mmCIF file of all heavy atoms, coordinates in Angstrom:
data_MODEL
# 
_entry.id   MODEL 
# 
loop_
_atom_site.group_PDB 
_atom_site.id 
_atom_site.type_symbol 
_atom_site.label_atom_id 
_atom_site.label_alt_id 
_atom_site.label_comp_id 
_atom_site.label_asym_id 
_atom_site.label_entity_id 
_atom_site.label_seq_id 
_atom_site.pdbx_PDB_ins_code 
_atom_site.Cartn_x 
_atom_site.Cartn_y 
_atom_site.Cartn_z 
_atom_site.occupancy 
_atom_site.B_iso_or_equiv 
_atom_site.pdbx_formal_charge 
_atom_site.auth_seq_id 
_atom_site.auth_comp_id 
_atom_site.auth_asym_id 
_atom_site.auth_atom_id 
_atom_site.pdbx_PDB_model_num 
ATOM 1   N N   . ILE A 1 1  ? -30.286 24.606 -22.118 1.00 0.00 ? 1  ILE A N   1 
ATOM 2   C CA  . ILE A 1 1  ? -29.819 24.712 -20.738 1.00 0.00 ? 1  ILE A CA  1 
ATOM 3   C C   . ILE A 1 1  ? -28.297 24.608 -20.749 1.00 0.00 ? 1  ILE A C   1 
ATOM 4   O O   . ILE A 1 1  ? -27.741 23.603 -21.208 1.00 0.00 ? 1  ILE A O   1 
ATOM 5   C CB  . ILE A 1 1  ? -30.414 23.601 -19.851 1.00 0.00 ? 1  ILE A CB  1 
ATOM 6   C CG1 . ILE A 1 1  ? -31.937 23.610 -19.937 1.00 0.00 ? 1  ILE A CG1 1 
ATOM 7   C CG2 . ILE A 1 1  ? -29.960 23.768 -18.404 1.00 0.00 ? 1  ILE A CG2 1 
ATOM 8   C CD1 . ILE A 1 1  ? -32.581 22.427 -19.247 1.00 0.00 ? 1  ILE A CD1 1 
ATOM 9   N N   . ARG A 1 2  ? -27.639 25.638 -20.285 1.00 0.00 ? 2  ARG A N   1 
ATOM 10  C CA  . ARG A 1 2  ? -26.182 25.606 -20.144 1.00 0.00 ? 2  ARG A CA  1 
ATOM 11  C C   . ARG A 1 2  ? -25.867 25.250 -18.700 1.00 0.00 ? 2  ARG A C   1 
ATOM 12  O O   . ARG A 1 2  ? -26.337 25.905 -17.762 1.00 0.00 ? 2  ARG A O   1 
ATOM 13  C CB  . ARG A 1 2  ? -25.564 26.938 -20.519 1.00 0.00 ? 2  ARG A CB  1 
ATOM 14  C CG  . ARG A 1 2  ? -24.088 27.026 -20.188 1.00 0.00 ? 2  ARG A CG  1 
ATOM 15  C CD  . ARG A 1 2  ? -23.456 28.285 -20.729 1.00 0.00 ? 2  ARG A CD  1 
ATOM 16  N NE  . ARG A 1 2  ? -23.358 28.238 -22.182 1.00 0.00 ? 2  ARG A NE  1 
ATOM 17  C CZ  . ARG A 1 2  ? -22.730 29.177 -22.896 1.00 0.00 ? 2  ARG A CZ  1 
ATOM 18  N NH1 . ARG A 1 2  ? -22.174 30.213 -22.296 1.00 0.00 ? 2  ARG A NH1 1 
ATOM 19  N NH2 . ARG A 1 2  ? -22.666 29.072 -24.206 1.00 0.00 ? 2  ARG A NH2 1 
ATOM 20  N N   . LEU A 1 3  ? -25.049 24.212 -18.517 1.00 0.00 ? 3  LEU A N   1 
ATOM 21  C CA  . LEU A 1 3  ? -24.741 23.700 -17.185 1.00 0.00 ? 3  LEU A CA  1 
ATOM 22  C C   . LEU A 1 3  ? -23.256 23.831 -16.891 1.00 0.00 ? 3  LEU A C   1 
ATOM 23  O O   . LEU A 1 3  ? -22.418 23.520 -17.738 1.00 0.00 ? 3  LEU A O   1 
ATOM 24  C CB  . LEU A 1 3  ? -25.124 22.213 -17.071 1.00 0.00 ? 3  LEU A CB  1 
ATOM 25  C CG  . LEU A 1 3  ? -26.615 21.871 -17.065 1.00 0.00 ? 3  LEU A CG  1 
ATOM 26  C CD1 . LEU A 1 3  ? -26.774 20.362 -17.058 1.00 0.00 ? 3  LEU A CD1 1 
ATOM 27  C CD2 . LEU A 1 3  ? -27.306 22.481 -15.877 1.00 0.00 ? 3  LEU A CD2 1 
ATOM 28  N N   . LYS A 1 4  ? -22.969 24.266 -15.689 1.00 0.00 ? 4  LYS A N   1 
ATOM 29  C CA  . LYS A 1 4  ? -21.612 24.215 -15.158 1.00 0.00 ? 4  LYS A CA  1 
ATOM 30  C C   . LYS A 1 4  ? -21.643 23.160 -14.058 1.00 0.00 ? 4  LYS A C   1 
ATOM 31  O O   . LYS A 1 4  ? -22.198 23.396 -12.984 1.00 0.00 ? 4  LYS A O   1 
ATOM 32  C CB  . LYS A 1 4  ? -21.183 25.576 -14.608 1.00 0.00 ? 4  LYS A CB  1 
ATOM 33  C CG  . LYS A 1 4  ? -19.719 25.634 -14.192 1.00 0.00 ? 4  LYS A CG  1 
ATOM 34  C CD  . LYS A 1 4  ? -19.347 27.026 -13.718 1.00 0.00 ? 4  LYS A CD  1 
ATOM 35  C CE  . LYS A 1 4  ? -17.863 27.131 -13.445 1.00 0.00 ? 4  LYS A CE  1 
ATOM 36  N NZ  . LYS A 1 4  ? -17.050 26.973 -14.663 1.00 0.00 ? 4  LYS A NZ  1 
ATOM 37  N N   . VAL A 1 5  ? -21.067 21.997 -14.337 1.00 0.00 ? 5  VAL A N   1 
ATOM 38  C CA  . VAL A 1 5  ? -21.194 20.823 -13.462 1.00 0.00 ? 5  VAL A CA  1 
ATOM 39  C C   . VAL A 1 5  ? -19.834 20.498 -12.854 1.00 0.00 ? 5  VAL A C   1 
ATOM 40  O O   . VAL A 1 5  ? -18.806 20.551 -13.545 1.00 0.00 ? 5  VAL A O   1 
ATOM 41  C CB  . VAL A 1 5  ? -21.736 19.600 -14.248 1.00 0.00 ? 5  VAL A CB  1 
ATOM 42  C CG1 . VAL A 1 5  ? -22.026 18.450 -13.303 1.00 0.00 ? 5  VAL A CG1 1 
ATOM 43  C CG2 . VAL A 1 5  ? -22.997 19.987 -14.991 1.00 0.00 ? 5  VAL A CG2 1 
ATOM 44  N N   . ARG A 1 6  ? -19.863 20.127 -11.555 1.00 0.00 ? 6  ARG A N   1 
ATOM 45  C CA  . ARG A 1 6  ? -18.631 19.757 -10.854 1.00 0.00 ? 6  ARG A CA  1 
ATOM 46  C C   . ARG A 1 6  ? -18.914 18.566 -9.938  1.00 0.00 ? 6  ARG A C   1 
ATOM 47  O O   . ARG A 1 6  ? -19.227 18.725 -8.773  1.00 0.00 ? 6  ARG A O   1 
ATOM 48  C CB  . ARG A 1 6  ? -18.104 20.941 -10.040 1.00 0.00 ? 6  ARG A CB  1 
ATOM 49  C CG  . ARG A 1 6  ? -16.723 20.714 -9.422  1.00 0.00 ? 6  ARG A CG  1 
ATOM 50  C CD  . ARG A 1 6  ? -16.249 21.983 -8.757  1.00 0.00 ? 6  ARG A CD  1 
ATOM 51  N NE  . ARG A 1 6  ? -14.898 21.851 -8.263  1.00 0.00 ? 6  ARG A NE  1 
ATOM 52  C CZ  . ARG A 1 6  ? -14.582 21.457 -7.031  1.00 0.00 ? 6  ARG A CZ  1 
ATOM 53  N NH1 . ARG A 1 6  ? -15.551 21.159 -6.177  1.00 0.00 ? 6  ARG A NH1 1 
ATOM 54  N NH2 . ARG A 1 6  ? -13.331 21.360 -6.661  1.00 0.00 ? 6  ARG A NH2 1 
ATOM 55  N N   . PRO A 1 7  ? -18.825 17.336 -10.461 1.00 0.00 ? 7  PRO A N   1 
ATOM 56  C CA  . PRO A 1 7  ? -18.993 16.156 -9.605  1.00 0.00 ? 7  PRO A CA  1 
ATOM 57  C C   . PRO A 1 7  ? -17.672 15.793 -8.918  1.00 0.00 ? 7  PRO A C   1 
ATOM 58  O O   . PRO A 1 7  ? -16.580 16.021 -9.461  1.00 0.00 ? 7  PRO A O   1 
ATOM 59  C CB  . PRO A 1 7  ? -19.434 15.063 -10.587 1.00 0.00 ? 7  PRO A CB  1 
ATOM 60  C CG  . PRO A 1 7  ? -18.817 15.475 -11.890 1.00 0.00 ? 7  PRO A CG  1 
ATOM 61  C CD  . PRO A 1 7  ? -18.758 16.975 -11.886 1.00 0.00 ? 7  PRO A CD  1 
ATOM 62  N N   . GLU A 1 8  ? -17.786 15.197 -7.741  1.00 0.00 ? 8  GLU A N   1 
ATOM 63  C CA  . GLU A 1 8  ? -16.596 14.815 -6.970  1.00 0.00 ? 8  GLU A CA  1 
ATOM 64  C C   . GLU A 1 8  ? -16.927 13.605 -6.108  1.00 0.00 ? 8  GLU A C   1 
ATOM 65  O O   . GLU A 1 8  ? -18.001 13.537 -5.500  1.00 0.00 ? 8  GLU A O   1 
ATOM 66  C CB  . GLU A 1 8  ? -16.148 15.983 -6.091  1.00 0.00 ? 8  GLU A CB  1 
ATOM 67  C CG  . GLU A 1 8  ? -14.974 15.664 -5.181  1.00 0.00 ? 8  GLU A CG  1 
ATOM 68  C CD  . GLU A 1 8  ? -14.599 16.843 -4.306  1.00 0.00 ? 8  GLU A CD  1 
ATOM 69  O OE1 . GLU A 1 8  ? -14.542 17.971 -4.829  1.00 0.00 ? 8  GLU A OE1 1 
ATOM 70  O OE2 . GLU A 1 8  ? -14.374 16.641 -3.093  1.00 0.00 ? 8  GLU A OE2 1 
ATOM 71  N N   . VAL A 1 9  ? -16.012 12.659 -6.067  1.00 0.00 ? 9  VAL A N   1 
ATOM 72  C CA  . VAL A 1 9  ? -16.137 11.463 -5.231  1.00 0.00 ? 9  VAL A CA  1 
ATOM 73  C C   . VAL A 1 9  ? -14.871 11.343 -4.401  1.00 0.00 ? 9  VAL A C   1 
ATOM 74  O O   . VAL A 1 9  ? -13.763 11.313 -4.958  1.00 0.00 ? 9  VAL A O   1 
ATOM 75  C CB  . VAL A 1 9  ? -16.357 10.188 -6.075  1.00 0.00 ? 9  VAL A CB  1 
ATOM 76  C CG1 . VAL A 1 9  ? -16.407 8.960  -5.175  1.00 0.00 ? 9  VAL A CG1 1 
ATOM 77  C CG2 . VAL A 1 9  ? -17.637 10.300 -6.892  1.00 0.00 ? 9  VAL A CG2 1 
ATOM 78  N N   . SER A 1 10 ? -15.008 11.293 -3.091  1.00 0.00 ? 10 SER A N   1 
ATOM 79  C CA  . SER A 1 10 ? -13.851 11.192 -2.203  1.00 0.00 ? 10 SER A CA  1 
ATOM 80  C C   . SER A 1 10 ? -14.115 10.121 -1.152  1.00 0.00 ? 10 SER A C   1 
ATOM 81  O O   . SER A 1 10 ? -15.256 9.884  -0.756  1.00 0.00 ? 10 SER A O   1 
ATOM 82  C CB  . SER A 1 10 ? -13.562 12.537 -1.522  1.00 0.00 ? 10 SER A CB  1 
ATOM 83  O OG  . SER A 1 10 ? -14.690 12.973 -0.782  1.00 0.00 ? 10 SER A OG  1 
ATOM 84  N N   . SER A 1 11 ? -13.049 9.470  -0.715  1.00 0.00 ? 11 SER A N   1 
ATOM 85  C CA  . SER A 1 11 ? -13.132 8.419  0.296   1.00 0.00 ? 11 SER A CA  1 
ATOM 86  C C   . SER A 1 11 ? -11.929 8.526  1.225   1.00 0.00 ? 11 SER A C   1 
ATOM 87  O O   . SER A 1 11 ? -10.902 9.109  0.871   1.00 0.00 ? 11 SER A O   1 
ATOM 88  C CB  . SER A 1 11 ? -13.186 7.025  -0.357  1.00 0.00 ? 11 SER A CB  1 
ATOM 89  O OG  . SER A 1 11 ? -12.037 6.815  -1.166  1.00 0.00 ? 11 SER A OG  1 
ATOM 90  N N   . LEU A 1 12 ? -12.067 7.947  2.420   1.00 0.00 ? 12 LEU A N   1 
ATOM 91  C CA  . LEU A 1 12 ? -11.009 8.010  3.423   1.00 0.00 ? 12 LEU A CA  1 
ATOM 92  C C   . LEU A 1 12 ? -9.883  7.046  3.077   1.00 0.00 ? 12 LEU A C   1 
ATOM 93  O O   . LEU A 1 12 ? -10.126 5.931  2.611   1.00 0.00 ? 12 LEU A O   1 
ATOM 94  C CB  . LEU A 1 12 ? -11.575 7.695  4.804   1.00 0.00 ? 12 LEU A CB  1 
ATOM 95  C CG  . LEU A 1 12 ? -12.685 8.614  5.311   1.00 0.00 ? 12 LEU A CG  1 
ATOM 96  C CD1 . LEU A 1 12 ? -13.146 8.181  6.689   1.00 0.00 ? 12 LEU A CD1 1 
ATOM 97  C CD2 . LEU A 1 12 ? -12.218 10.055 5.340   1.00 0.00 ? 12 LEU A CD2 1 
ATOM 98  N N   . ASP A 1 13 ? -8.655  7.472  3.316   1.00 0.00 ? 13 ASP A N   1 
ATOM 99  C CA  . ASP A 1 13 ? -7.463  6.672  3.055   1.00 0.00 ? 13 ASP A CA  1 
ATOM 100 C C   . ASP A 1 13 ? -6.594  6.691  4.311   1.00 0.00 ? 13 ASP A C   1 
ATOM 101 O O   . ASP A 1 13 ? -5.860  7.648  4.559   1.00 0.00 ? 13 ASP A O   1 
ATOM 102 C CB  . ASP A 1 13 ? -6.702  7.236  1.859   1.00 0.00 ? 13 ASP A CB  1 
ATOM 103 C CG  . ASP A 1 13 ? -5.454  6.410  1.531   1.00 0.00 ? 13 ASP A CG  1 
ATOM 104 O OD1 . ASP A 1 13 ? -5.357  5.283  2.039   1.00 0.00 ? 13 ASP A OD1 1 
ATOM 105 O OD2 . ASP A 1 13 ? -4.596  6.910  0.783   1.00 0.00 ? 13 ASP A OD2 1 
ATOM 106 N N   . TYR A 1 14 ? -6.713  5.634  5.119   1.00 0.00 ? 14 TYR A N   1 
ATOM 107 C CA  . TYR A 1 14 ? -5.944  5.570  6.364   1.00 0.00 ? 14 TYR A CA  1 
ATOM 108 C C   . TYR A 1 14 ? -4.492  5.188  6.124   1.00 0.00 ? 14 TYR A C   1 
ATOM 109 O O   . TYR A 1 14 ? -3.644  5.438  6.983   1.00 0.00 ? 14 TYR A O   1 
ATOM 110 C CB  . TYR A 1 14 ? -6.603  4.576  7.323   1.00 0.00 ? 14 TYR A CB  1 
ATOM 111 C CG  . TYR A 1 14 ? -7.869  5.114  7.944   1.00 0.00 ? 14 TYR A CG  1 
ATOM 112 C CD1 . TYR A 1 14 ? -9.108  4.853  7.359   1.00 0.00 ? 14 TYR A CD1 1 
ATOM 113 C CD2 . TYR A 1 14 ? -7.835  5.888  9.089   1.00 0.00 ? 14 TYR A CD2 1 
ATOM 114 C CE1 . TYR A 1 14 ? -10.279 5.347  7.924   1.00 0.00 ? 14 TYR A CE1 1 
ATOM 115 C CE2 . TYR A 1 14 ? -9.001  6.388  9.657   1.00 0.00 ? 14 TYR A CE2 1 
ATOM 116 C CZ  . TYR A 1 14 ? -10.215 6.106  9.074   1.00 0.00 ? 14 TYR A CZ  1 
ATOM 117 O OH  . TYR A 1 14 ? -11.374 6.599  9.623   1.00 0.00 ? 14 TYR A OH  1 
ATOM 118 N N   . ASN A 1 15 ? -4.190  4.555  5.000   1.00 0.00 ? 15 ASN A N   1 
ATOM 119 C CA  . ASN A 1 15 ? -2.809  4.160  4.741   1.00 0.00 ? 15 ASN A CA  1 
ATOM 120 C C   . ASN A 1 15 ? -1.893  5.367  4.592   1.00 0.00 ? 15 ASN A C   1 
ATOM 121 O O   . ASN A 1 15 ? -0.709  5.315  4.957   1.00 0.00 ? 15 ASN A O   1 
ATOM 122 C CB  . ASN A 1 15 ? -2.739  3.291  3.483   1.00 0.00 ? 15 ASN A CB  1 
ATOM 123 C CG  . ASN A 1 15 ? -3.460  1.970  3.659   1.00 0.00 ? 15 ASN A CG  1 
ATOM 124 O OD1 . ASN A 1 15 ? -3.513  1.433  4.765   1.00 0.00 ? 15 ASN A OD1 1 
ATOM 125 N ND2 . ASN A 1 15 ? -4.028  1.457  2.582   1.00 0.00 ? 15 ASN A ND2 1 
ATOM 126 N N   . ASN A 1 16 ? -2.391  6.446  4.036   1.00 0.00 ? 16 ASN A N   1 
ATOM 127 C CA  . ASN A 1 16 ? -1.592  7.651  3.833   1.00 0.00 ? 16 ASN A CA  1 
ATOM 128 C C   . ASN A 1 16 ? -1.915  8.749  4.847   1.00 0.00 ? 16 ASN A C   1 
ATOM 129 O O   . ASN A 1 16 ? -1.589  9.906  4.639   1.00 0.00 ? 16 ASN A O   1 
ATOM 130 C CB  . ASN A 1 16 ? -1.811  8.202  2.421   1.00 0.00 ? 16 ASN A CB  1 
ATOM 131 C CG  . ASN A 1 16 ? -1.342  7.242  1.353   1.00 0.00 ? 16 ASN A CG  1 
ATOM 132 O OD1 . ASN A 1 16 ? -0.287  6.629  1.482   1.00 0.00 ? 16 ASN A OD1 1 
ATOM 133 N ND2 . ASN A 1 16 ? -2.130  7.098  0.294   1.00 0.00 ? 16 ASN A ND2 1 
ATOM 134 N N   . GLY A 1 17 ? -2.589  8.394  5.939   1.00 0.00 ? 17 GLY A N   1 
ATOM 135 C CA  . GLY A 1 17 ? -2.933  9.365  6.957   1.00 0.00 ? 17 GLY A CA  1 
ATOM 136 C C   . GLY A 1 17 ? -1.750  9.720  7.837   1.00 0.00 ? 17 GLY A C   1 
ATOM 137 O O   . GLY A 1 17 ? -0.635  9.192  7.696   1.00 0.00 ? 17 GLY A O   1 
ATOM 138 N N   . VAL A 1 18 ? -1.979  10.638 8.758   1.00 0.00 ? 18 VAL A N   1 
ATOM 139 C CA  . VAL A 1 18 ? -0.951  11.090 9.691   1.00 0.00 ? 18 VAL A CA  1 
ATOM 140 C C   . VAL A 1 18 ? -1.500  10.980 11.106  1.00 0.00 ? 18 VAL A C   1 
ATOM 141 O O   . VAL A 1 18 ? -2.716  10.928 11.332  1.00 0.00 ? 18 VAL A O   1 
ATOM 142 C CB  . VAL A 1 18 ? -0.517  12.541 9.393   1.00 0.00 ? 18 VAL A CB  1 
ATOM 143 C CG1 . VAL A 1 18 ? 0.124   12.649 8.025   1.00 0.00 ? 18 VAL A CG1 1 
ATOM 144 C CG2 . VAL A 1 18 ? -1.692  13.498 9.499   1.00 0.00 ? 18 VAL A CG2 1 
ATOM 145 N N   . THR A 1 19 ? -0.564  10.954 12.067  1.00 0.00 ? 19 THR A N   1 
ATOM 146 C CA  . THR A 1 19 ? -0.923  10.917 13.483  1.00 0.00 ? 19 THR A CA  1 
ATOM 147 C C   . THR A 1 19 ? -0.499  12.227 14.127  1.00 0.00 ? 19 THR A C   1 
ATOM 148 O O   . THR A 1 19 ? 0.668   12.614 14.051  1.00 0.00 ? 19 THR A O   1 
ATOM 149 C CB  . THR A 1 19 ? -0.244  9.735  14.190  1.00 0.00 ? 19 THR A CB  1 
ATOM 150 O OG1 . THR A 1 19 ? -0.638  8.513  13.538  1.00 0.00 ? 19 THR A OG1 1 
ATOM 151 C CG2 . THR A 1 19 ? -0.656  9.671  15.650  1.00 0.00 ? 19 THR A CG2 1 
ATOM 152 N N   . LEU A 1 20 ? -1.456  12.932 14.747  1.00 0.00 ? 20 LEU A N   1 
ATOM 153 C CA  . LEU A 1 20 ? -1.197  14.223 15.362  1.00 0.00 ? 20 LEU A CA  1 
ATOM 154 C C   . LEU A 1 20 ? -1.813  14.243 16.745  1.00 0.00 ? 20 LEU A C   1 
ATOM 155 O O   . LEU A 1 20 ? -3.030  14.064 16.903  1.00 0.00 ? 20 LEU A O   1 
ATOM 156 C CB  . LEU A 1 20 ? -1.795  15.353 14.498  1.00 0.00 ? 20 LEU A CB  1 
ATOM 157 C CG  . LEU A 1 20 ? -1.658  16.777 15.039  1.00 0.00 ? 20 LEU A CG  1 
ATOM 158 C CD1 . LEU A 1 20 ? -0.186  17.162 15.134  1.00 0.00 ? 20 LEU A CD1 1 
ATOM 159 C CD2 . LEU A 1 20 ? -2.415  17.753 14.158  1.00 0.00 ? 20 LEU A CD2 1 
ATOM 160 N N   . GLU A 1 21 ? -0.933  14.446 17.769  1.00 0.00 ? 21 GLU A N   1 
ATOM 161 C CA  . GLU A 1 21 ? -1.370  14.522 19.160  1.00 0.00 ? 21 GLU A CA  1 
ATOM 162 C C   . GLU A 1 21 ? -2.204  13.292 19.554  1.00 0.00 ? 21 GLU A C   1 
ATOM 163 O O   . GLU A 1 21 ? -3.194  13.399 20.277  1.00 0.00 ? 21 GLU A O   1 
ATOM 164 C CB  . GLU A 1 21 ? -2.190  15.798 19.382  1.00 0.00 ? 21 GLU A CB  1 
ATOM 165 C CG  . GLU A 1 21 ? -1.424  17.089 19.161  1.00 0.00 ? 21 GLU A CG  1 
ATOM 166 C CD  . GLU A 1 21 ? -0.352  17.311 20.216  1.00 0.00 ? 21 GLU A CD  1 
ATOM 167 O OE1 . GLU A 1 21 ? -0.507  16.791 21.328  1.00 0.00 ? 21 GLU A OE1 1 
ATOM 168 O OE2 . GLU A 1 21 ? 0.637   18.006 19.909  1.00 0.00 ? 21 GLU A OE2 1 
ATOM 169 N N   . GLY A 1 22 ? -1.789  12.150 19.039  1.00 0.00 ? 22 GLY A N   1 
ATOM 170 C CA  . GLY A 1 22 ? -2.491  10.915 19.375  1.00 0.00 ? 22 GLY A CA  1 
ATOM 171 C C   . GLY A 1 22 ? -3.715  10.638 18.535  1.00 0.00 ? 22 GLY A C   1 
ATOM 172 O O   . GLY A 1 22 ? -4.371  9.602  18.721  1.00 0.00 ? 22 GLY A O   1 
ATOM 173 N N   . PHE A 1 23 ? -4.055  11.513 17.606  1.00 0.00 ? 23 PHE A N   1 
ATOM 174 C CA  . PHE A 1 23 ? -5.214  11.322 16.747  1.00 0.00 ? 23 PHE A CA  1 
ATOM 175 C C   . PHE A 1 23 ? -4.750  10.802 15.390  1.00 0.00 ? 23 PHE A C   1 
ATOM 176 O O   . PHE A 1 23 ? -3.793  11.318 14.816  1.00 0.00 ? 23 PHE A O   1 
ATOM 177 C CB  . PHE A 1 23 ? -5.983  12.636 16.547  1.00 0.00 ? 23 PHE A CB  1 
ATOM 178 C CG  . PHE A 1 23 ? -6.594  13.180 17.800  1.00 0.00 ? 23 PHE A CG  1 
ATOM 179 C CD1 . PHE A 1 23 ? -5.901  14.104 18.569  1.00 0.00 ? 23 PHE A CD1 1 
ATOM 180 C CD2 . PHE A 1 23 ? -7.847  12.778 18.211  1.00 0.00 ? 23 PHE A CD2 1 
ATOM 181 C CE1 . PHE A 1 23 ? -6.457  14.626 19.720  1.00 0.00 ? 23 PHE A CE1 1 
ATOM 182 C CE2 . PHE A 1 23 ? -8.410  13.288 19.359  1.00 0.00 ? 23 PHE A CE2 1 
ATOM 183 C CZ  . PHE A 1 23 ? -7.715  14.211 20.127  1.00 0.00 ? 23 PHE A CZ  1 
ATOM 184 N N   . ARG A 1 24 ? -5.449  9.803  14.896  1.00 0.00 ? 24 ARG A N   1 
ATOM 185 C CA  . ARG A 1 24 ? -5.174  9.260  13.571  1.00 0.00 ? 24 ARG A CA  1 
ATOM 186 C C   . ARG A 1 24 ? -6.048  9.993  12.563  1.00 0.00 ? 24 ARG A C   1 
ATOM 187 O O   . ARG A 1 24 ? -7.283  9.877  12.568  1.00 0.00 ? 24 ARG A O   1 
ATOM 188 C CB  . ARG A 1 24 ? -5.471  7.762  13.532  1.00 0.00 ? 24 ARG A CB  1 
ATOM 189 C CG  . ARG A 1 24 ? -5.159  7.091  12.192  1.00 0.00 ? 24 ARG A CG  1 
ATOM 190 C CD  . ARG A 1 24 ? -3.672  7.114  11.899  1.00 0.00 ? 24 ARG A CD  1 
ATOM 191 N NE  . ARG A 1 24 ? -3.353  6.396  10.673  1.00 0.00 ? 24 ARG A NE  1 
ATOM 192 C CZ  . ARG A 1 24 ? -2.155  6.347  10.135  1.00 0.00 ? 24 ARG A CZ  1 
ATOM 193 N NH1 . ARG A 1 24 ? -1.147  6.979  10.730  1.00 0.00 ? 24 ARG A NH1 1 
ATOM 194 N NH2 . ARG A 1 24 ? -1.929  5.671  9.022   1.00 0.00 ? 24 ARG A NH2 1 
ATOM 195 N N   . ILE A 1 25 ? -5.423  10.790 11.679  1.00 0.00 ? 25 ILE A N   1 
ATOM 196 C CA  . ILE A 1 25 ? -6.153  11.603 10.711  1.00 0.00 ? 25 ILE A CA  1 
ATOM 197 C C   . ILE A 1 25 ? -5.989  10.968 9.339   1.00 0.00 ? 25 ILE A C   1 
ATOM 198 O O   . ILE A 1 25 ? -4.868  10.870 8.835   1.00 0.00 ? 25 ILE A O   1 
ATOM 199 C CB  . ILE A 1 25 ? -5.630  13.043 10.697  1.00 0.00 ? 25 ILE A CB  1 
ATOM 200 C CG1 . ILE A 1 25 ? -5.663  13.633 12.108  1.00 0.00 ? 25 ILE A CG1 1 
ATOM 201 C CG2 . ILE A 1 25 ? -6.448  13.895 9.745   1.00 0.00 ? 25 ILE A CG2 1 
ATOM 202 C CD1 . ILE A 1 25 ? -5.029  14.982 12.199  1.00 0.00 ? 25 ILE A CD1 1 
ATOM 203 N N   . PRO A 1 26 ? -7.071  10.540 8.714   1.00 0.00 ? 26 PRO A N   1 
ATOM 204 C CA  . PRO A 1 26 ? -6.940  9.900  7.399   1.00 0.00 ? 26 PRO A CA  1 
ATOM 205 C C   . PRO A 1 26 ? -6.732  10.926 6.294   1.00 0.00 ? 26 PRO A C   1 
ATOM 206 O O   . PRO A 1 26 ? -7.067  12.107 6.424   1.00 0.00 ? 26 PRO A O   1 
ATOM 207 C CB  . PRO A 1 26 ? -8.284  9.178  7.230   1.00 0.00 ? 26 PRO A CB  1 
ATOM 208 C CG  . PRO A 1 26 ? -9.248  10.015 8.021   1.00 0.00 ? 26 PRO A CG  1 
ATOM 209 C CD  . PRO A 1 26 ? -8.465  10.555 9.190   1.00 0.00 ? 26 PRO A CD  1 
ATOM 210 N N   . ALA A 1 27 ? -6.176  10.437 5.203   1.00 0.00 ? 27 ALA A N   1 
ATOM 211 C CA  . ALA A 1 27 ? -6.089  11.248 3.985   1.00 0.00 ? 27 ALA A CA  1 
ATOM 212 C C   . ALA A 1 27 ? -7.349  11.030 3.151   1.00 0.00 ? 27 ALA A C   1 
ATOM 213 O O   . ALA A 1 27 ? -8.230  10.247 3.521   1.00 0.00 ? 27 ALA A O   1 
ATOM 214 C CB  . ALA A 1 27 ? -4.839  10.876 3.191   1.00 0.00 ? 27 ALA A CB  1 
ATOM 215 N N   . LEU A 1 28 ? -7.455  11.725 2.044   1.00 0.00 ? 28 LEU A N   1 
ATOM 216 C CA  . LEU A 1 28 ? -8.611  11.620 1.169   1.00 0.00 ? 28 LEU A CA  1 
ATOM 217 C C   . LEU A 1 28 ? -8.174  11.202 -0.232  1.00 0.00 ? 28 LEU A C   1 
ATOM 218 O O   . LEU A 1 28 ? -7.219  11.745 -0.780  1.00 0.00 ? 28 LEU A O   1 
ATOM 219 C CB  . LEU A 1 28 ? -9.365  12.947 1.077   1.00 0.00 ? 28 LEU A CB  1 
ATOM 220 C CG  . LEU A 1 28 ? -10.207 13.360 2.286   1.00 0.00 ? 28 LEU A CG  1 
ATOM 221 C CD1 . LEU A 1 28 ? -10.828 14.729 2.049   1.00 0.00 ? 28 LEU A CD1 1 
ATOM 222 C CD2 . LEU A 1 28 ? -11.295 12.344 2.561   1.00 0.00 ? 28 LEU A CD2 1 
# 
């Protein structure tokens, strides 16, 4: 079995987020 695998783990990062039109958008 030949596998092409792509795992990914992401989480929210509010410390590096931005504020746009009053909305707090987190980074990843």
